[in-house]
Amino acid sequence: MRRSSGRWRASRRHRTADPTPNRREWALKFGATEAVAPDELTEVTKRVTGGFGFDYAFEAVGKAGTLRAAYDATRLGGTVCLVGAGSRTDTADISMAELVLNEKAILPSFYGGDDIRRTYATIIDLWRAGRIDLESMITHHVPLTDINEAIRQMHTGEALRTVVDIA
């Protein structure tokens, strides 16, 4: 769910698929055109694109299954941007034939593909200029002694972003 950045880009319509209902609600608040459960993505792709697929899909979870769903929802020659950093042992089930015949690009993006020092500086500049809303992405605060609660919230999807307070 990376919609906040779309506000300052030339983006127009965004569909979001997420298994967690509250994350779908947040996606709509951040400007998604439509937010659906993953099992509805095939129907949305058919309805919105006439079955051709989306030009771009962003996988932000870091799971092989969501990469597969993003790949399947993308048109021939489309682009899948892989944002989620997954496990080294979670491998995607995409065949060599699919990669060649579908001519889809899979682009990894770690911190936007840039030097993290510049990426953070850009994000801070955009935040200070009011072009991205970082505060509304923080849904929970926990003290450092409750770090396990923050991890639980991350795994369950209960929180969008949890800040761990160390003071």
N, C-alpha and C. Protein backbone atom coordinates (compact mmCIF):
# COMPACT_ATOMS: atom_id res chain seq x y z
N MET A 1 0.84 -1.16 0.00
CA MET A 1 0.00 0.00 0.00
C MET A 1 0.89 1.23 0.00
N ARG A 2 1.15 1.76 -1.13
CA ARG A 2 2.07 2.88 -1.26
C ARG A 2 1.37 4.08 -1.87
N ARG A 3 0.14 4.29 -1.57
CA ARG A 3 -0.67 5.28 -2.25
C ARG A 3 -0.30 6.72 -1.93
N SER A 4 0.17 7.02 -0.75
CA SER A 4 0.43 8.41 -0.38
C SER A 4 1.37 9.08 -1.38
N SER A 5 2.37 8.35 -1.86
CA SER A 5 3.31 8.94 -2.81
C SER A 5 2.64 9.26 -4.13
N GLY A 6 1.55 8.56 -4.47
CA GLY A 6 0.87 8.80 -5.74
C GLY A 6 0.26 10.18 -5.83
N ARG A 7 0.00 10.80 -4.70
CA ARG A 7 -0.62 12.12 -4.70
C ARG A 7 0.27 13.15 -5.39
N TRP A 8 1.57 12.99 -5.29
CA TRP A 8 2.45 13.98 -5.89
C TRP A 8 2.98 13.52 -7.25
N ARG A 9 2.48 12.44 -7.74
CA ARG A 9 2.81 11.96 -9.08
C ARG A 9 1.60 12.18 -10.00
N ALA A 10 1.74 11.80 -11.24
CA ALA A 10 0.66 11.99 -12.21
C ALA A 10 -0.33 10.84 -12.19
N SER A 11 -0.47 10.19 -11.07
CA SER A 11 -1.36 9.03 -10.99
C SER A 11 -2.81 9.47 -10.93
N ARG A 12 -3.67 8.60 -11.48
CA ARG A 12 -5.10 8.91 -11.53
C ARG A 12 -5.96 7.89 -10.82
N ARG A 13 -5.84 6.62 -11.20
CA ARG A 13 -6.70 5.59 -10.61
C ARG A 13 -5.83 4.46 -10.07
N HIS A 14 -6.15 4.05 -8.84
CA HIS A 14 -5.38 2.99 -8.19
C HIS A 14 -6.32 1.95 -7.62
N ARG A 15 -6.03 0.70 -7.90
CA ARG A 15 -6.75 -0.41 -7.28
C ARG A 15 -5.79 -1.06 -6.31
N THR A 16 -6.28 -1.40 -5.13
CA THR A 16 -5.46 -2.01 -4.10
C THR A 16 -6.08 -3.33 -3.69
N ALA A 17 -5.24 -4.34 -3.55
CA ALA A 17 -5.69 -5.63 -3.03
C ALA A 17 -4.92 -5.91 -1.75
N ASP A 18 -5.64 -6.20 -0.68
CA ASP A 18 -5.01 -6.49 0.59
C ASP A 18 -5.92 -7.44 1.36
N PRO A 19 -5.36 -8.44 2.02
CA PRO A 19 -6.21 -9.40 2.74
C PRO A 19 -6.82 -8.84 4.03
N THR A 20 -6.29 -7.75 4.53
CA THR A 20 -6.75 -7.21 5.81
C THR A 20 -7.76 -6.09 5.59
N PRO A 21 -8.99 -6.24 6.09
CA PRO A 21 -10.02 -5.22 5.86
C PRO A 21 -9.62 -3.80 6.27
N ASN A 22 -8.97 -3.66 7.45
CA ASN A 22 -8.62 -2.31 7.87
C ASN A 22 -7.56 -1.68 6.97
N ARG A 23 -6.70 -2.48 6.38
CA ARG A 23 -5.71 -1.93 5.44
C ARG A 23 -6.40 -1.48 4.15
N ARG A 24 -7.45 -2.18 3.75
CA ARG A 24 -8.22 -1.73 2.58
C ARG A 24 -8.89 -0.39 2.87
N GLU A 25 -9.41 -0.24 4.09
CA GLU A 25 -10.00 1.05 4.47
C GLU A 25 -8.96 2.16 4.44
N TRP A 26 -7.75 1.86 4.94
CA TRP A 26 -6.69 2.87 4.91
C TRP A 26 -6.32 3.21 3.47
N ALA A 27 -6.29 2.21 2.60
CA ALA A 27 -5.95 2.47 1.20
C ALA A 27 -6.93 3.47 0.59
N LEU A 28 -8.21 3.31 0.89
CA LEU A 28 -9.21 4.25 0.38
C LEU A 28 -8.99 5.65 0.95
N LYS A 29 -8.65 5.73 2.23
CA LYS A 29 -8.37 7.04 2.84
C LYS A 29 -7.17 7.72 2.21
N PHE A 30 -6.20 6.91 1.77
CA PHE A 30 -5.00 7.48 1.15
C PHE A 30 -5.17 7.73 -0.35
N GLY A 31 -6.37 7.45 -0.87
CA GLY A 31 -6.65 7.82 -2.25
C GLY A 31 -6.81 6.71 -3.25
N ALA A 32 -6.82 5.46 -2.82
CA ALA A 32 -7.06 4.37 -3.76
C ALA A 32 -8.47 4.52 -4.34
N THR A 33 -8.62 4.23 -5.61
CA THR A 33 -9.92 4.29 -6.27
C THR A 33 -10.82 3.17 -5.77
N GLU A 34 -10.21 2.03 -5.50
CA GLU A 34 -10.95 0.84 -5.08
C GLU A 34 -10.00 -0.04 -4.28
N ALA A 35 -10.51 -0.67 -3.24
CA ALA A 35 -9.71 -1.57 -2.42
C ALA A 35 -10.48 -2.87 -2.24
N VAL A 36 -9.85 -3.97 -2.62
CA VAL A 36 -10.53 -5.27 -2.62
C VAL A 36 -9.68 -6.32 -1.91
N ALA A 37 -10.32 -7.42 -1.57
CA ALA A 37 -9.61 -8.58 -1.03
C ALA A 37 -8.87 -9.25 -2.19
N PRO A 38 -7.77 -9.95 -1.92
CA PRO A 38 -7.00 -10.58 -2.99
C PRO A 38 -7.82 -11.52 -3.87
N ASP A 39 -8.79 -12.22 -3.30
CA ASP A 39 -9.58 -13.14 -4.11
C ASP A 39 -10.52 -12.41 -5.08
N GLU A 40 -10.64 -11.11 -4.95
CA GLU A 40 -11.45 -10.31 -5.87
C GLU A 40 -10.63 -9.67 -6.99
N LEU A 41 -9.32 -9.81 -6.92
CA LEU A 41 -8.44 -9.11 -7.87
C LEU A 41 -8.66 -9.55 -9.31
N THR A 42 -8.87 -10.82 -9.55
CA THR A 42 -9.10 -11.30 -10.92
C THR A 42 -10.34 -10.66 -11.52
N GLU A 43 -11.42 -10.61 -10.74
CA GLU A 43 -12.66 -9.97 -11.20
C GLU A 43 -12.46 -8.49 -11.48
N VAL A 44 -11.73 -7.80 -10.60
CA VAL A 44 -11.46 -6.36 -10.78
C VAL A 44 -10.63 -6.15 -12.04
N THR A 45 -9.64 -6.99 -12.24
CA THR A 45 -8.79 -6.87 -13.43
C THR A 45 -9.63 -7.02 -14.70
N LYS A 46 -10.52 -8.00 -14.72
CA LYS A 46 -11.40 -8.20 -15.88
C LYS A 46 -12.33 -7.01 -16.09
N ARG A 47 -12.94 -6.57 -15.00
CA ARG A 47 -13.91 -5.47 -15.10
C ARG A 47 -13.26 -4.16 -15.53
N VAL A 48 -12.12 -3.84 -14.94
CA VAL A 48 -11.49 -2.54 -15.18
C VAL A 48 -10.71 -2.49 -16.48
N THR A 49 -10.06 -3.60 -16.84
CA THR A 49 -9.19 -3.58 -18.01
C THR A 49 -9.73 -4.39 -19.19
N GLY A 50 -10.93 -4.93 -19.04
CA GLY A 50 -11.47 -5.78 -20.09
C GLY A 50 -10.71 -7.09 -20.22
N GLY A 51 -10.01 -7.46 -19.17
CA GLY A 51 -9.26 -8.71 -19.17
C GLY A 51 -7.84 -8.57 -19.68
N PHE A 52 -7.45 -7.38 -20.11
CA PHE A 52 -6.09 -7.19 -20.64
C PHE A 52 -5.04 -7.10 -19.54
N GLY A 53 -5.40 -6.56 -18.40
CA GLY A 53 -4.46 -6.42 -17.29
C GLY A 53 -4.00 -4.98 -17.13
N PHE A 54 -3.49 -4.69 -15.97
CA PHE A 54 -3.03 -3.34 -15.63
C PHE A 54 -1.65 -3.07 -16.23
N ASP A 55 -1.39 -1.82 -16.50
CA ASP A 55 -0.06 -1.43 -17.00
C ASP A 55 1.01 -1.67 -15.94
N TYR A 56 0.68 -1.31 -14.70
CA TYR A 56 1.63 -1.43 -13.60
C TYR A 56 0.98 -2.09 -12.40
N ALA A 57 1.73 -2.92 -11.69
CA ALA A 57 1.29 -3.50 -10.43
C ALA A 57 2.46 -3.39 -9.46
N PHE A 58 2.16 -3.04 -8.22
CA PHE A 58 3.18 -2.92 -7.19
C PHE A 58 2.92 -3.96 -6.12
N GLU A 59 3.90 -4.80 -5.88
CA GLU A 59 3.82 -5.80 -4.83
C GLU A 59 4.56 -5.22 -3.63
N ALA A 60 3.83 -4.98 -2.53
CA ALA A 60 4.44 -4.33 -1.37
C ALA A 60 4.41 -5.18 -0.12
N VAL A 61 4.09 -6.46 -0.26
CA VAL A 61 3.99 -7.33 0.91
C VAL A 61 5.26 -8.14 1.11
N GLY A 62 5.88 -8.56 0.02
CA GLY A 62 7.08 -9.38 0.13
C GLY A 62 6.81 -10.86 0.21
N LYS A 63 5.74 -11.30 -0.42
CA LYS A 63 5.38 -12.72 -0.43
C LYS A 63 5.29 -13.21 -1.88
N ALA A 64 5.68 -14.46 -2.10
CA ALA A 64 5.63 -15.03 -3.44
C ALA A 64 4.21 -15.01 -4.00
N GLY A 65 3.23 -15.28 -3.16
CA GLY A 65 1.84 -15.31 -3.61
C GLY A 65 1.35 -13.96 -4.09
N THR A 66 1.78 -12.88 -3.42
CA THR A 66 1.34 -11.55 -3.85
C THR A 66 2.10 -11.10 -5.09
N LEU A 67 3.35 -11.56 -5.25
CA LEU A 67 4.07 -11.29 -6.50
C LEU A 67 3.34 -11.98 -7.66
N ARG A 68 2.93 -13.22 -7.43
CA ARG A 68 2.20 -13.97 -8.46
C ARG A 68 0.91 -13.24 -8.83
N ALA A 69 0.17 -12.77 -7.83
CA ALA A 69 -1.09 -12.06 -8.09
C ALA A 69 -0.83 -10.77 -8.88
N ALA A 70 0.21 -10.04 -8.51
CA ALA A 70 0.56 -8.81 -9.24
C ALA A 70 0.95 -9.13 -10.68
N TYR A 71 1.72 -10.19 -10.86
CA TYR A 71 2.14 -10.61 -12.20
C TYR A 71 0.92 -10.98 -13.05
N ASP A 72 0.01 -11.74 -12.47
CA ASP A 72 -1.18 -12.17 -13.20
C ASP A 72 -2.11 -11.00 -13.53
N ALA A 73 -2.10 -9.96 -12.71
CA ALA A 73 -2.98 -8.80 -12.92
C ALA A 73 -2.41 -7.80 -13.91
N THR A 74 -1.18 -8.02 -14.36
CA THR A 74 -0.51 -7.09 -15.26
C THR A 74 -0.65 -7.54 -16.71
N ARG A 75 -0.84 -6.59 -17.60
CA ARG A 75 -1.01 -6.88 -19.02
C ARG A 75 0.28 -7.42 -19.65
N LEU A 76 0.16 -8.00 -20.84
CA LEU A 76 1.35 -8.39 -21.59
C LEU A 76 2.20 -7.14 -21.80
N GLY A 77 3.48 -7.26 -21.53
CA GLY A 77 4.38 -6.11 -21.66
C GLY A 77 4.29 -5.13 -20.51
N GLY A 78 3.48 -5.44 -19.49
CA GLY A 78 3.33 -4.55 -18.33
C GLY A 78 4.50 -4.67 -17.38
N THR A 79 4.41 -3.93 -16.30
CA THR A 79 5.51 -3.88 -15.33
C THR A 79 5.01 -4.18 -13.93
N VAL A 80 5.73 -5.06 -13.25
CA VAL A 80 5.49 -5.35 -11.85
C VAL A 80 6.67 -4.77 -11.07
N CYS A 81 6.37 -3.87 -10.14
CA CYS A 81 7.41 -3.31 -9.28
C CYS A 81 7.37 -4.02 -7.95
N LEU A 82 8.46 -4.68 -7.63
CA LEU A 82 8.56 -5.48 -6.41
C LEU A 82 9.15 -4.61 -5.31
N VAL A 83 8.30 -4.17 -4.39
CA VAL A 83 8.71 -3.29 -3.30
C VAL A 83 8.92 -4.07 -2.01
N GLY A 84 8.07 -5.06 -1.76
CA GLY A 84 8.15 -5.83 -0.52
C GLY A 84 9.40 -6.68 -0.47
N ALA A 85 10.15 -6.57 0.61
CA ALA A 85 11.37 -7.37 0.78
C ALA A 85 11.00 -8.66 1.47
N GLY A 86 10.99 -9.74 0.73
CA GLY A 86 10.56 -11.02 1.27
C GLY A 86 11.69 -11.86 1.82
N SER A 87 11.33 -13.05 2.21
CA SER A 87 12.27 -14.02 2.76
C SER A 87 13.12 -14.62 1.64
N ARG A 88 14.33 -14.98 1.97
CA ARG A 88 15.22 -15.63 0.99
C ARG A 88 14.69 -17.01 0.58
N THR A 89 13.87 -17.61 1.41
CA THR A 89 13.37 -18.96 1.11
C THR A 89 12.00 -18.95 0.44
N ASP A 90 11.36 -17.79 0.32
CA ASP A 90 10.04 -17.69 -0.31
C ASP A 90 10.26 -17.42 -1.80
N THR A 91 10.14 -18.45 -2.62
CA THR A 91 10.44 -18.31 -4.05
C THR A 91 9.16 -18.20 -4.87
N ALA A 92 9.23 -17.38 -5.89
CA ALA A 92 8.07 -17.14 -6.76
C ALA A 92 7.93 -18.25 -7.80
N ASP A 93 6.69 -18.59 -8.11
CA ASP A 93 6.39 -19.63 -9.08
C ASP A 93 6.04 -18.98 -10.42
N ILE A 94 7.06 -18.48 -11.10
CA ILE A 94 6.88 -17.89 -12.43
C ILE A 94 7.86 -18.59 -13.35
N SER A 95 7.34 -19.22 -14.39
CA SER A 95 8.19 -20.04 -15.25
C SER A 95 8.99 -19.18 -16.22
N MET A 96 10.04 -19.76 -16.73
CA MET A 96 10.86 -19.09 -17.74
C MET A 96 10.02 -18.77 -18.98
N ALA A 97 9.14 -19.69 -19.37
CA ALA A 97 8.29 -19.46 -20.53
C ALA A 97 7.39 -18.24 -20.32
N GLU A 98 6.82 -18.12 -19.12
CA GLU A 98 5.97 -16.95 -18.83
C GLU A 98 6.77 -15.66 -18.96
N LEU A 99 7.96 -15.66 -18.41
CA LEU A 99 8.78 -14.45 -18.45
C LEU A 99 9.08 -14.03 -19.89
N VAL A 100 9.36 -14.99 -20.74
CA VAL A 100 9.69 -14.67 -22.14
C VAL A 100 8.44 -14.35 -22.95
N LEU A 101 7.42 -15.19 -22.86
CA LEU A 101 6.23 -15.02 -23.71
C LEU A 101 5.36 -13.83 -23.32
N ASN A 102 5.29 -13.52 -22.03
CA ASN A 102 4.46 -12.40 -21.59
C ASN A 102 5.16 -11.06 -21.67
N GLU A 103 6.48 -11.08 -21.80
CA GLU A 103 7.29 -9.86 -21.91
C GLU A 103 6.99 -8.84 -20.81
N LYS A 104 6.68 -9.35 -19.63
CA LYS A 104 6.43 -8.47 -18.49
C LYS A 104 7.75 -8.18 -17.79
N ALA A 105 7.89 -6.97 -17.33
CA ALA A 105 9.08 -6.59 -16.58
C ALA A 105 8.81 -6.72 -15.09
N ILE A 106 9.74 -7.32 -14.37
CA ILE A 106 9.67 -7.36 -12.91
C ILE A 106 10.85 -6.55 -12.42
N LEU A 107 10.54 -5.42 -11.80
CA LEU A 107 11.57 -4.50 -11.34
C LEU A 107 11.63 -4.47 -9.83
N PRO A 108 12.76 -4.84 -9.25
CA PRO A 108 12.88 -4.71 -7.80
C PRO A 108 13.13 -3.26 -7.42
N SER A 109 12.67 -2.90 -6.23
CA SER A 109 12.88 -1.54 -5.75
C SER A 109 13.19 -1.59 -4.27
N PHE A 110 14.42 -1.32 -3.94
CA PHE A 110 14.83 -1.27 -2.54
C PHE A 110 15.13 0.18 -2.21
N TYR A 111 14.30 0.78 -1.37
CA TYR A 111 14.37 2.21 -1.06
C TYR A 111 14.31 3.04 -2.34
N GLY A 112 13.44 2.65 -3.25
CA GLY A 112 13.25 3.40 -4.48
C GLY A 112 14.38 3.24 -5.48
N GLY A 113 15.27 2.28 -5.24
CA GLY A 113 16.37 2.04 -6.16
C GLY A 113 17.45 3.11 -6.09
N ASP A 114 17.48 3.84 -5.01
CA ASP A 114 18.41 4.96 -4.88
C ASP A 114 19.22 4.78 -3.60
N ASP A 115 20.16 5.63 -3.40
CA ASP A 115 20.93 5.66 -2.17
C ASP A 115 20.00 6.07 -1.02
N ILE A 116 19.96 5.29 0.04
CA ILE A 116 19.03 5.53 1.14
C ILE A 116 19.18 6.94 1.73
N ARG A 117 20.39 7.47 1.70
CA ARG A 117 20.59 8.82 2.26
C ARG A 117 19.84 9.86 1.43
N ARG A 118 19.83 9.70 0.12
CA ARG A 118 19.07 10.62 -0.74
C ARG A 118 17.58 10.35 -0.64
N THR A 119 17.20 9.07 -0.56
CA THR A 119 15.78 8.72 -0.46
C THR A 119 15.17 9.33 0.80
N TYR A 120 15.80 9.15 1.94
CA TYR A 120 15.28 9.73 3.18
C TYR A 120 15.22 11.24 3.09
N ALA A 121 16.25 11.85 2.52
CA ALA A 121 16.25 13.31 2.39
C ALA A 121 15.09 13.78 1.51
N THR A 122 14.80 13.06 0.44
CA THR A 122 13.68 13.40 -0.44
C THR A 122 12.35 13.25 0.28
N ILE A 123 12.19 12.16 1.01
CA ILE A 123 10.95 11.94 1.76
C ILE A 123 10.75 13.05 2.79
N ILE A 124 11.80 13.41 3.50
CA ILE A 124 11.70 14.48 4.49
C ILE A 124 11.33 15.80 3.83
N ASP A 125 11.96 16.11 2.69
CA ASP A 125 11.62 17.34 1.96
C ASP A 125 10.17 17.35 1.52
N LEU A 126 9.68 16.23 0.99
CA LEU A 126 8.28 16.14 0.56
C LEU A 126 7.33 16.27 1.74
N TRP A 127 7.69 15.65 2.87
CA TRP A 127 6.88 15.76 4.09
C TRP A 127 6.82 17.20 4.58
N ARG A 128 7.97 17.86 4.63
CA ARG A 128 8.02 19.26 5.09
C ARG A 128 7.22 20.18 4.18
N ALA A 129 7.19 19.86 2.89
CA ALA A 129 6.45 20.67 1.92
C ALA A 129 4.95 20.33 1.92
N GLY A 130 4.55 19.34 2.73
CA GLY A 130 3.15 18.97 2.81
C GLY A 130 2.67 18.12 1.64
N ARG A 131 3.60 17.52 0.92
CA ARG A 131 3.22 16.74 -0.26
C ARG A 131 2.99 15.27 0.05
N ILE A 132 3.45 14.79 1.19
CA ILE A 132 3.10 13.45 1.66
C ILE A 132 2.74 13.54 3.14
N ASP A 133 1.80 12.72 3.54
CA ASP A 133 1.26 12.75 4.89
C ASP A 133 1.77 11.53 5.66
N LEU A 134 2.89 11.68 6.31
CA LEU A 134 3.46 10.56 7.06
C LEU A 134 2.73 10.33 8.38
N GLU A 135 2.27 11.39 9.01
CA GLU A 135 1.63 11.25 10.32
C GLU A 135 0.41 10.33 10.29
N SER A 136 -0.39 10.43 9.25
CA SER A 136 -1.60 9.61 9.21
C SER A 136 -1.30 8.14 8.95
N MET A 137 -0.09 7.82 8.54
CA MET A 137 0.29 6.42 8.35
C MET A 137 0.63 5.74 9.67
N ILE A 138 0.90 6.54 10.71
CA ILE A 138 1.24 5.98 12.02
C ILE A 138 -0.06 5.74 12.77
N THR A 139 -0.37 4.48 12.98
CA THR A 139 -1.64 4.14 13.63
C THR A 139 -1.46 3.70 15.08
N HIS A 140 -0.24 3.35 15.48
CA HIS A 140 -0.01 2.87 16.83
C HIS A 140 1.36 3.35 17.34
N HIS A 141 1.44 3.53 18.65
CA HIS A 141 2.70 3.80 19.36
C HIS A 141 2.83 2.76 20.45
N VAL A 142 4.03 2.23 20.65
CA VAL A 142 4.28 1.31 21.77
C VAL A 142 5.63 1.68 22.39
N PRO A 143 5.77 1.48 23.69
CA PRO A 143 7.09 1.69 24.31
C PRO A 143 8.03 0.56 23.90
N LEU A 144 9.31 0.82 24.02
CA LEU A 144 10.31 -0.18 23.65
C LEU A 144 10.10 -1.50 24.38
N THR A 145 9.61 -1.44 25.59
CA THR A 145 9.37 -2.68 26.36
C THR A 145 8.29 -3.55 25.73
N ASP A 146 7.45 -2.96 24.84
CA ASP A 146 6.39 -3.71 24.17
C ASP A 146 6.69 -3.95 22.69
N ILE A 147 7.96 -4.09 22.38
CA ILE A 147 8.38 -4.30 20.98
C ILE A 147 7.69 -5.52 20.37
N ASN A 148 7.46 -6.54 21.15
CA ASN A 148 6.79 -7.74 20.63
C ASN A 148 5.36 -7.43 20.18
N GLU A 149 4.72 -6.47 20.84
CA GLU A 149 3.39 -6.04 20.42
C GLU A 149 3.45 -5.38 19.04
N ALA A 150 4.47 -4.59 18.81
CA ALA A 150 4.64 -3.95 17.51
C ALA A 150 4.84 -5.00 16.41
N ILE A 151 5.61 -6.02 16.72
CA ILE A 151 5.84 -7.10 15.75
C ILE A 151 4.54 -7.86 15.50
N ARG A 152 3.78 -8.11 16.55
CA ARG A 152 2.49 -8.78 16.38
C ARG A 152 1.56 -7.95 15.49
N GLN A 153 1.51 -6.65 15.73
CA GLN A 153 0.67 -5.76 14.92
C GLN A 153 1.10 -5.80 13.45
N MET A 154 2.40 -5.85 13.21
CA MET A 154 2.90 -5.90 11.85
C MET A 154 2.45 -7.20 11.17
N HIS A 155 2.58 -8.32 11.88
CA HIS A 155 2.23 -9.62 11.29
C HIS A 155 0.73 -9.78 11.06
N THR A 156 -0.09 -9.21 11.92
CA THR A 156 -1.53 -9.37 11.78
C THR A 156 -2.16 -8.34 10.85
N GLY A 157 -1.42 -7.27 10.53
CA GLY A 157 -1.99 -6.21 9.71
C GLY A 157 -2.86 -5.27 10.50
N GLU A 158 -2.86 -5.39 11.83
CA GLU A 158 -3.66 -4.54 12.69
C GLU A 158 -3.24 -3.08 12.58
N ALA A 159 -1.94 -2.86 12.46
CA ALA A 159 -1.41 -1.50 12.38
C ALA A 159 -0.91 -1.22 10.97
N LEU A 160 -1.02 0.01 10.56
CA LEU A 160 -0.42 0.40 9.29
C LEU A 160 1.07 0.62 9.52
N ARG A 161 1.39 1.50 10.46
CA ARG A 161 2.77 1.70 10.91
C ARG A 161 2.74 1.90 12.42
N THR A 162 3.64 1.23 13.10
CA THR A 162 3.76 1.37 14.54
C THR A 162 5.09 2.04 14.86
N VAL A 163 5.04 3.07 15.67
CA VAL A 163 6.26 3.74 16.13
C VAL A 163 6.62 3.15 17.48
N VAL A 164 7.87 2.75 17.62
CA VAL A 164 8.36 2.25 18.89
C VAL A 164 9.06 3.41 19.59
N ASP A 165 8.49 3.85 20.69
CA ASP A 165 9.03 4.97 21.45
C ASP A 165 10.14 4.48 22.36
N ILE A 166 11.33 5.08 22.23
CA ILE A 166 12.47 4.61 23.03
C ILE A 166 12.73 5.52 24.22
N ALA A 167 12.02 6.62 24.33
CA ALA A 167 12.26 7.52 25.48
C ALA A 167 11.31 7.23 26.60
